[in-house]
C-alpha cells in the first residue's frame, strides 16, 4: 500500500541544517497495522507528515498503491490523519463533527447521514450523536476523531500519538479498540508512538527508529525476542545487559564465569541481552548458575522485580510472578544463583 523509497528530509540550510530523516526505505502492506516507534526527535512524526503530504521530502519517492504521490497535495491523497490534538469543533455535535469532512467534499446529505450512522455504530457512540464535544469525555472525543477520519473511507489512516492524552486505563482500552477498528475496516493504519506497550499490543509490524533512521522492522514478537542492536533491545521493554568476551565455549563475563551459548563465530567483546522474565533464581552453588547478591525487591502487584548484582557489580534483574501469599524466594542481601535458558540470550555488539 505504501512504499517509502530512500526518503530524506532536511530542515534548514548550511550550518543550521538538520537531517530529520536519513535515507529511509520501508514498504507497508495493505490492511496492515504498522507502527513507527522511537524516542522524541527520531523522525517518526516527520515521516508521517511526508506520507500525509504536509511536508515534501528533500529527496526520495513516496508511492501509494503503486502511484507516485510525492508531489501530490494532501487534499488529493486518499489518506486521513488523527492528530494528538483531536482538533474537533466544540460548538458542533458529535454527528456534525463526524460528517464535517464529507460536507467539505460535497457529498449528498443522504450519503452523509448514512455514513455518520455507520461510523457512530462502528465506534459505539450511537447514543451520543446529539451531544456537543464539550459534553463528552476525552476517550469519547478520541472515538469521534477516529470516526471523522474514517468517514471518507481513506486507503490509509495515519495516527500521530492519538492516545497520549488519555489516562492509563482508558489508553489500554483504546489500544484494543483501535486494533478492532483496523480489522473491521481493512484500512492500512500507520501509527506513531514512543510507547513500547502500544506498539507491541496493536501492531502487525513495528519499525524502530533512531536519529532519522529505521534500525529494525519486524513483528512485535521478533522485535522483542530478537533485537538486532543494543538500542532496540534497550528501547523495547526491560533488558539485562551483561558485558563479556566471546569464546568457543560461550561468553565469558567479567566475573570469570561462562554463559554457555552459541557465539556463531563471534570473537572479542560482546554484550549479552536477557529479558528479566527469562531470569530464574537458583541456589548459589547450583550447576551452571551465575553467583549474585540480592540488592532490592520491588513489588509491582502482578510481579516482583528482584534486583541483583553479579560478583563484579554488574546489575541484573529477575521478574518473578507474585504469589498469592506474597512470599518471594529471596530477601535483600541473600546470595543466590542466576540461570536462564541458552535460547533466551541474545548476543549483541559490545
Protein backbone atom coordinates (compact mmCIF):
# COMPACT_ATOMS: atom_id res chain seq x y z
CA UNK A 1 0.00 0.00 0.00
CA UNK A 2 2.78 2.46 0.94
CA UNK A 3 6.32 2.44 -0.45
CA UNK A 4 8.88 4.79 1.06
CA UNK A 5 11.90 4.78 -1.23
CA UNK A 6 15.17 6.28 0.03
CA UNK A 7 13.42 9.29 1.58
CA UNK A 8 15.35 12.05 3.35
CA UNK A 9 14.12 15.24 4.97
CA UNK A 10 16.43 18.13 5.82
CA UNK A 11 15.19 21.24 7.62
CA UNK A 12 17.14 24.47 7.24
CA UNK A 13 20.31 25.02 5.25
CA UNK A 14 24.04 25.37 5.70
CA UNK A 15 25.37 25.13 9.24
CA UNK A 16 21.81 25.22 10.63
CA UNK A 17 20.65 22.25 8.55
CA UNK A 18 19.07 19.38 10.48
CA UNK A 19 18.50 15.93 8.98
CA UNK A 20 15.21 14.64 10.36
CA UNK A 21 15.09 11.60 8.03
CA UNK A 22 18.16 9.95 6.56
CA UNK A 23 17.55 7.72 3.50
CA UNK A 24 14.55 5.84 4.93
CA UNK A 25 13.06 2.97 2.93
CA UNK A 26 10.12 0.82 4.02
CA UNK A 27 7.16 -0.98 2.43
CA UNK A 28 3.84 -1.13 4.29
CA UNK A 29 1.27 -3.72 3.22
CA UNK A 30 -2.42 -3.27 2.52
CA UNK A 31 -4.62 -3.85 5.59
CA UNK A 32 -1.59 -3.73 7.90
CA UNK A 33 -1.34 -2.10 11.33
CA UNK A 34 2.16 -0.66 11.05
CA UNK A 35 3.79 1.26 13.90
CA UNK A 36 6.65 3.77 13.81
CA UNK A 37 8.25 3.57 17.25
CA UNK A 38 11.05 5.62 18.73
CA UNK A 39 12.04 8.37 21.16
CA UNK A 40 11.21 12.04 20.66
CA UNK A 41 13.13 13.54 17.74
CA UNK A 42 13.78 10.22 15.96
CA UNK A 43 11.85 11.29 12.82
CA UNK A 44 8.69 9.20 13.16
CA UNK A 45 6.24 12.12 13.05
CA UNK A 46 8.20 13.72 10.19
CA UNK A 47 7.80 10.51 8.18
CA UNK A 48 4.07 10.51 8.93
CA UNK A 49 3.78 14.12 7.74
CA UNK A 50 5.55 13.25 4.49
CA UNK A 51 3.08 10.42 3.84
CA UNK A 52 0.19 12.81 4.56
CA UNK A 53 1.66 15.45 2.23
CA UNK A 54 2.10 18.12 4.92
CA UNK A 55 5.84 18.24 4.17
CA UNK A 56 7.73 17.49 0.94
CA UNK A 57 10.73 15.15 1.12
CA UNK A 58 14.15 16.60 0.39
CA UNK A 59 14.85 13.52 -1.70
CA UNK A 60 13.28 10.12 -2.39
CA UNK A 61 9.86 8.95 -3.54
CA UNK A 62 6.59 8.00 -1.85
CA UNK A 63 4.11 5.69 -3.57
CA UNK A 64 0.58 4.74 -2.58
CA UNK A 65 -0.87 1.60 -4.21
CA UNK A 66 1.80 1.94 -6.90
CA UNK A 67 1.07 5.62 -7.67
CA UNK A 68 3.79 8.20 -7.06
CA UNK A 69 2.26 10.72 -4.63
CA UNK A 70 5.49 12.54 -3.74
CA UNK A 71 4.31 15.83 -5.25
CA UNK A 72 0.58 15.36 -4.63
CA UNK A 73 -1.04 17.88 -2.22
CA UNK A 74 -2.70 16.50 0.96
CA UNK A 75 -6.26 17.01 -0.28
CA UNK A 76 -5.60 14.78 -3.31
CA UNK A 77 -4.23 11.86 -1.30
CA UNK A 78 -6.61 9.09 -0.12
CA UNK A 79 -5.12 9.49 3.33
CA UNK A 80 -6.53 10.87 6.59
CA UNK A 81 -4.78 11.80 9.82
CA UNK A 82 -5.76 11.62 13.50
CA UNK A 83 -3.63 14.07 15.46
CA UNK A 84 -2.50 14.08 19.06
CA UNK A 85 -4.73 17.14 19.41
CA UNK A 86 -8.03 15.86 18.03
CA UNK A 87 -8.95 19.29 16.52
CA UNK A 88 -12.69 18.73 16.96
CA UNK A 89 -15.22 21.57 16.68
CA UNK A 90 -16.54 22.22 20.22
CA UNK A 91 -19.69 24.04 19.04
CA UNK A 92 -20.78 21.13 16.83
CA UNK A 93 -22.46 17.89 17.83
CA UNK A 94 -20.75 14.54 17.63
CA UNK A 95 -22.65 13.74 14.41
CA UNK A 96 -21.78 17.07 12.76
CA UNK A 97 -18.09 16.61 13.60
CA UNK A 98 -18.07 13.17 12.02
CA UNK A 99 -19.85 14.39 8.89
CA UNK A 100 -17.89 17.63 8.50
CA UNK A 101 -15.26 16.26 6.13
CA UNK A 102 -17.93 14.70 3.95
CA UNK A 103 -19.73 18.05 3.79
CA UNK A 104 -16.50 19.70 2.63
CA UNK A 105 -16.23 17.04 -0.09
CA UNK A 106 -19.71 17.98 -1.29
CA UNK A 107 -21.31 14.61 -0.60
CA UNK A 108 -25.13 14.38 -0.75
CA UNK A 109 -26.96 14.85 2.56
CA UNK A 110 -28.43 11.33 2.49
CA UNK A 111 -24.99 9.78 1.95
CA UNK A 112 -23.53 11.87 4.78
CA UNK A 113 -26.30 10.83 7.16
CA UNK A 114 -25.87 7.15 6.30
CA UNK A 115 -22.08 7.31 6.68
CA UNK A 116 -22.33 9.17 10.01
CA UNK A 117 -24.69 6.48 11.33
CA UNK A 118 -22.27 3.79 10.12
CA UNK A 119 -19.33 5.48 11.85
CA UNK A 120 -21.28 6.05 15.09
CA UNK A 121 -22.11 2.36 15.19
CA UNK A 122 -18.51 1.41 14.45
CA UNK A 123 -17.13 3.47 17.36
CA UNK A 124 -20.12 2.56 19.58
CA UNK A 125 -21.37 6.09 20.13
CA UNK A 126 -24.89 5.99 18.64
CA UNK A 127 -26.45 7.26 21.88
CA UNK A 128 -24.21 10.36 21.95
CA UNK A 129 -24.71 11.60 18.37
CA UNK A 130 -26.51 14.76 19.54
CA UNK A 131 -24.03 15.71 22.26
CA UNK A 132 -21.65 18.63 21.84
CA UNK A 133 -17.92 17.89 22.04
CA UNK A 134 -17.65 19.83 25.30
CA UNK A 135 -20.18 17.42 26.83
CA UNK A 136 -18.26 14.18 26.24
CA UNK A 137 -15.15 12.67 27.81
CA UNK A 138 -11.61 12.59 26.42
CA UNK A 139 -11.94 8.96 25.41
CA UNK A 140 -15.21 9.69 23.63
CA UNK A 141 -13.61 12.64 21.84
CA UNK A 142 -10.88 10.31 20.64
CA UNK A 143 -13.52 8.00 19.17
CA UNK A 144 -15.17 10.95 17.41
CA UNK A 145 -11.82 11.96 15.90
CA UNK A 146 -11.35 8.39 14.65
CA UNK A 147 -14.86 8.25 13.22
CA UNK A 148 -14.37 11.59 11.42
CA UNK A 149 -11.10 10.37 9.89
CA UNK A 150 -12.65 7.05 8.82
CA UNK A 151 -15.84 8.56 7.37
CA UNK A 152 -14.38 9.34 3.88
CA UNK A 153 -13.11 5.72 3.72
CA UNK A 154 -9.41 6.59 3.18
CA UNK A 155 -6.99 3.99 1.85
CA UNK A 156 -4.57 4.83 4.69
CA UNK A 157 -5.17 6.22 8.19
CA UNK A 158 -2.27 8.00 9.88
CA UNK A 159 -2.34 8.23 13.68
CA UNK A 160 0.08 10.59 15.42
CA UNK A 161 0.23 9.52 19.09
CA UNK A 162 -3.58 9.78 19.45
CA UNK A 163 -3.69 8.02 22.83
CA UNK A 164 -1.08 10.07 24.67
CA UNK A 165 -3.61 12.41 26.35
CA UNK A 166 -5.67 9.56 27.83
CA UNK A 167 -5.24 8.07 31.29
CA UNK A 168 -3.64 4.64 31.61
CA UNK A 169 -6.80 2.53 31.88
CA UNK A 170 -8.54 4.30 29.01
CA UNK A 171 -5.39 4.12 26.90
CA UNK A 172 -5.33 0.33 27.29
CA UNK A 173 -9.00 0.10 26.32
CA UNK A 174 -8.43 2.23 23.23
CA UNK A 175 -5.48 0.09 22.15
CA UNK A 176 -7.88 -2.85 21.81
CA UNK A 177 -10.49 -0.60 20.17
CA UNK A 178 -8.04 0.69 17.55
CA UNK A 179 -6.97 -2.81 16.61
CA UNK A 180 -10.64 -3.83 16.30
CA UNK A 181 -11.40 -0.86 14.05
CA UNK A 182 -8.44 -1.59 11.82
CA UNK A 183 -9.54 -5.20 11.41
CA UNK A 184 -13.15 -4.25 10.68
CA UNK A 185 -12.37 -1.53 8.14
CA UNK A 186 -9.48 -3.23 6.34
CA UNK A 187 -7.76 0.16 6.12
CA UNK A 188 -3.98 0.38 6.43
CA UNK A 189 -3.15 2.04 9.78
CA UNK A 190 0.21 3.77 10.28
CA UNK A 191 0.60 4.56 13.96
CA UNK A 192 3.23 6.78 15.57
CA UNK A 193 4.15 6.31 19.22
CA UNK A 194 7.01 6.40 21.70
CA UNK A 195 5.15 3.91 23.92
CA UNK A 196 6.56 0.40 23.59
CA UNK A 197 3.47 -1.26 25.06
CA UNK A 198 1.22 0.39 22.47
CA UNK A 199 3.49 -0.84 19.69
CA UNK A 200 3.64 -4.40 20.99
CA UNK A 201 -0.10 -4.59 21.73
CA UNK A 202 -1.56 -3.37 18.44
CA UNK A 203 0.92 -3.77 15.61
CA UNK A 204 1.28 -6.33 12.87
CA UNK A 205 4.80 -4.96 12.36
CA UNK A 206 6.93 -2.34 14.10
CA UNK A 207 9.70 -0.11 12.75
CA UNK A 208 12.06 1.10 15.49
CA UNK A 209 13.59 4.47 14.65
CA UNK A 210 16.52 6.47 15.99
CA UNK A 211 18.14 9.66 14.67
CA UNK A 212 16.18 9.68 11.43
CA UNK A 213 16.82 6.04 10.51
CA UNK A 214 14.94 2.77 10.81
CA UNK A 215 17.05 0.36 12.85
CA UNK A 216 14.83 -2.73 12.71
CA UNK A 217 11.50 -3.81 11.25
CA UNK A 218 9.64 -6.90 12.39
CA UNK A 219 6.66 -8.35 14.19
CA UNK A 220 6.31 -7.35 17.85
CA UNK A 221 7.49 -10.82 18.84
CA UNK A 222 10.58 -10.58 16.58
CA UNK A 223 11.47 -7.10 17.79
CA UNK A 224 11.10 -8.09 21.45
CA UNK A 225 12.75 -11.50 21.36
CA UNK A 226 15.39 -10.91 18.66
CA UNK A 227 16.57 -7.28 18.74
CA UNK A 228 19.44 -6.66 16.35
CA UNK A 229 21.08 -3.82 18.30
CA UNK A 230 21.54 -2.66 21.86
CA UNK A 231 19.36 0.40 21.21
CA UNK A 232 16.40 -1.73 20.08
CA UNK A 233 16.84 -4.17 22.96
CA UNK A 234 17.01 -1.31 25.45
CA UNK A 235 14.12 0.69 23.98
CA UNK A 236 11.69 -2.24 23.69
CA UNK A 237 10.89 -3.34 27.22
CA UNK A 238 13.34 -4.01 30.06
CA UNK A 239 16.60 -5.81 29.32
CA UNK A 240 19.60 -7.00 31.27
CA UNK A 241 22.93 -6.26 29.57
CA UNK A 242 25.89 -8.43 30.56
CA UNK A 243 29.26 -7.45 29.03
CA UNK A 244 31.67 -10.23 28.19
CA UNK A 245 34.08 -11.77 25.68
CA UNK A 246 33.04 -14.34 23.10
CA UNK A 247 34.86 -17.65 23.24
CA UNK A 248 34.41 -21.11 21.76
CA UNK A 249 32.50 -22.40 24.80
CA UNK A 250 30.25 -19.33 25.17
CA UNK A 251 30.64 -15.83 26.57
CA UNK A 252 33.00 -15.19 29.47
CA UNK A 253 31.70 -12.47 31.79
CA UNK A 254 33.72 -10.01 33.86
CA UNK A 255 33.26 -12.35 36.84
CA UNK A 256 35.16 -15.09 35.03
CA UNK A 257 32.00 -17.19 34.74
CA UNK A 258 30.96 -18.51 31.33
CA UNK A 259 27.46 -18.30 29.89
CA UNK A 260 27.21 -21.30 27.60
CA UNK A 261 25.51 -20.13 24.44
CA UNK A 262 26.25 -20.37 20.73
CA UNK A 263 28.53 -17.49 19.74
CA UNK A 264 28.09 -18.02 15.97
CA UNK A 265 31.72 -17.35 15.11
CA UNK A 266 31.89 -14.10 17.11
CA UNK A 267 35.07 -13.04 18.86
CA UNK A 268 36.13 -10.20 21.11
CA UNK A 269 33.92 -8.02 23.27
CA UNK A 270 30.14 -8.63 23.11
CA UNK A 271 27.08 -7.88 25.20
CA UNK A 272 24.52 -10.44 26.28
CA UNK A 273 20.89 -9.27 26.39
CA UNK A 274 18.48 -11.20 28.62
CA UNK A 275 14.89 -10.18 29.39
CA UNK A 276 14.06 -10.07 33.14
CA UNK A 277 11.18 -12.55 32.77
CA UNK A 278 13.68 -15.12 31.42
CA UNK A 279 15.89 -14.91 34.53
CA UNK A 280 15.41 -17.61 37.19
CA UNK A 281 16.71 -17.83 40.74
CA UNK A 282 18.53 -20.92 41.97
CA UNK A 283 20.77 -21.97 44.82
CA UNK A 284 24.07 -20.05 44.76
CA UNK A 285 26.01 -23.29 44.20
CA UNK A 286 23.67 -24.68 41.51
CA UNK A 287 25.44 -26.10 38.47
CA UNK A 288 25.77 -23.52 35.69
CA UNK A 289 24.31 -20.70 37.80
CA UNK A 290 25.88 -17.25 37.97
CA UNK A 291 26.54 -16.12 41.56
CA UNK A 292 24.74 -12.94 42.59
CA UNK A 293 23.60 -10.95 45.62
CA UNK A 294 20.07 -9.58 46.01
CA UNK A 295 20.19 -5.77 46.31
CA UNK A 296 16.49 -4.89 46.27
CA UNK A 297 12.97 -6.24 45.78
CA UNK A 298 10.31 -4.08 44.12
CA UNK A 299 6.66 -5.18 44.23
CA UNK A 300 4.53 -4.36 41.15
CA UNK A 301 1.36 -6.29 42.00
CA UNK A 302 1.38 -8.89 39.24
CA UNK A 303 5.10 -9.48 39.68
CA UNK A 304 8.10 -8.62 41.84
CA UNK A 305 11.35 -7.33 40.40
CA UNK A 306 14.36 -8.89 42.09
CA UNK A 307 17.39 -6.62 41.62
CA UNK A 308 20.75 -8.33 41.97
CA UNK A 309 24.44 -7.71 41.40
CA UNK A 310 26.89 -10.24 39.96
CA UNK A 311 30.27 -10.71 41.63
CA UNK A 312 31.82 -7.89 39.56
CA UNK A 313 28.93 -5.50 40.30
CA UNK A 314 27.07 -5.94 37.01
CA UNK A 315 23.35 -5.40 37.74
CA UNK A 316 20.76 -7.99 36.73
CA UNK A 317 17.01 -8.09 37.33
CA UNK A 318 14.65 -11.07 37.53
CA UNK A 319 10.91 -10.54 37.08
CA UNK A 320 9.18 -13.03 39.38
CA UNK A 321 5.46 -13.69 39.26
CA UNK A 322 3.85 -12.64 42.53
CA UNK A 323 2.40 -15.46 44.65
CA UNK A 324 -0.99 -15.14 46.43
CA UNK A 325 0.84 -15.50 49.75
CA UNK A 326 3.09 -12.57 48.89
CA UNK A 327 6.20 -14.69 49.50
CA UNK A 328 9.32 -14.21 47.38
CA UNK A 329 12.14 -16.75 47.07
CA UNK A 330 14.83 -14.35 48.31
CA UNK A 331 15.48 -11.37 50.57
CA UNK A 332 17.74 -8.34 50.34
CA UNK A 333 21.35 -9.39 50.96
CA UNK A 334 20.83 -13.06 50.07
CA UNK A 335 23.37 -14.91 47.93
CA UNK A 336 21.55 -16.56 45.02
CA UNK A 337 22.23 -18.31 41.76
CA UNK A 338 21.01 -16.85 38.45
CA UNK A 339 20.08 -19.01 35.47
CA UNK A 340 18.43 -18.55 32.08
CA UNK A 341 17.90 -20.81 29.09
CA UNK A 342 20.53 -20.57 26.30
CA UNK A 343 17.85 -19.60 23.75
CA UNK A 344 16.76 -16.69 26.00
CA UNK A 345 20.11 -14.99 25.42
CA UNK A 346 20.73 -12.57 22.56
CA UNK A 347 24.34 -11.73 21.67
CA UNK A 348 24.82 -8.09 20.60
CA UNK A 349 27.80 -5.94 19.71
CA UNK A 350 29.60 -4.56 22.76
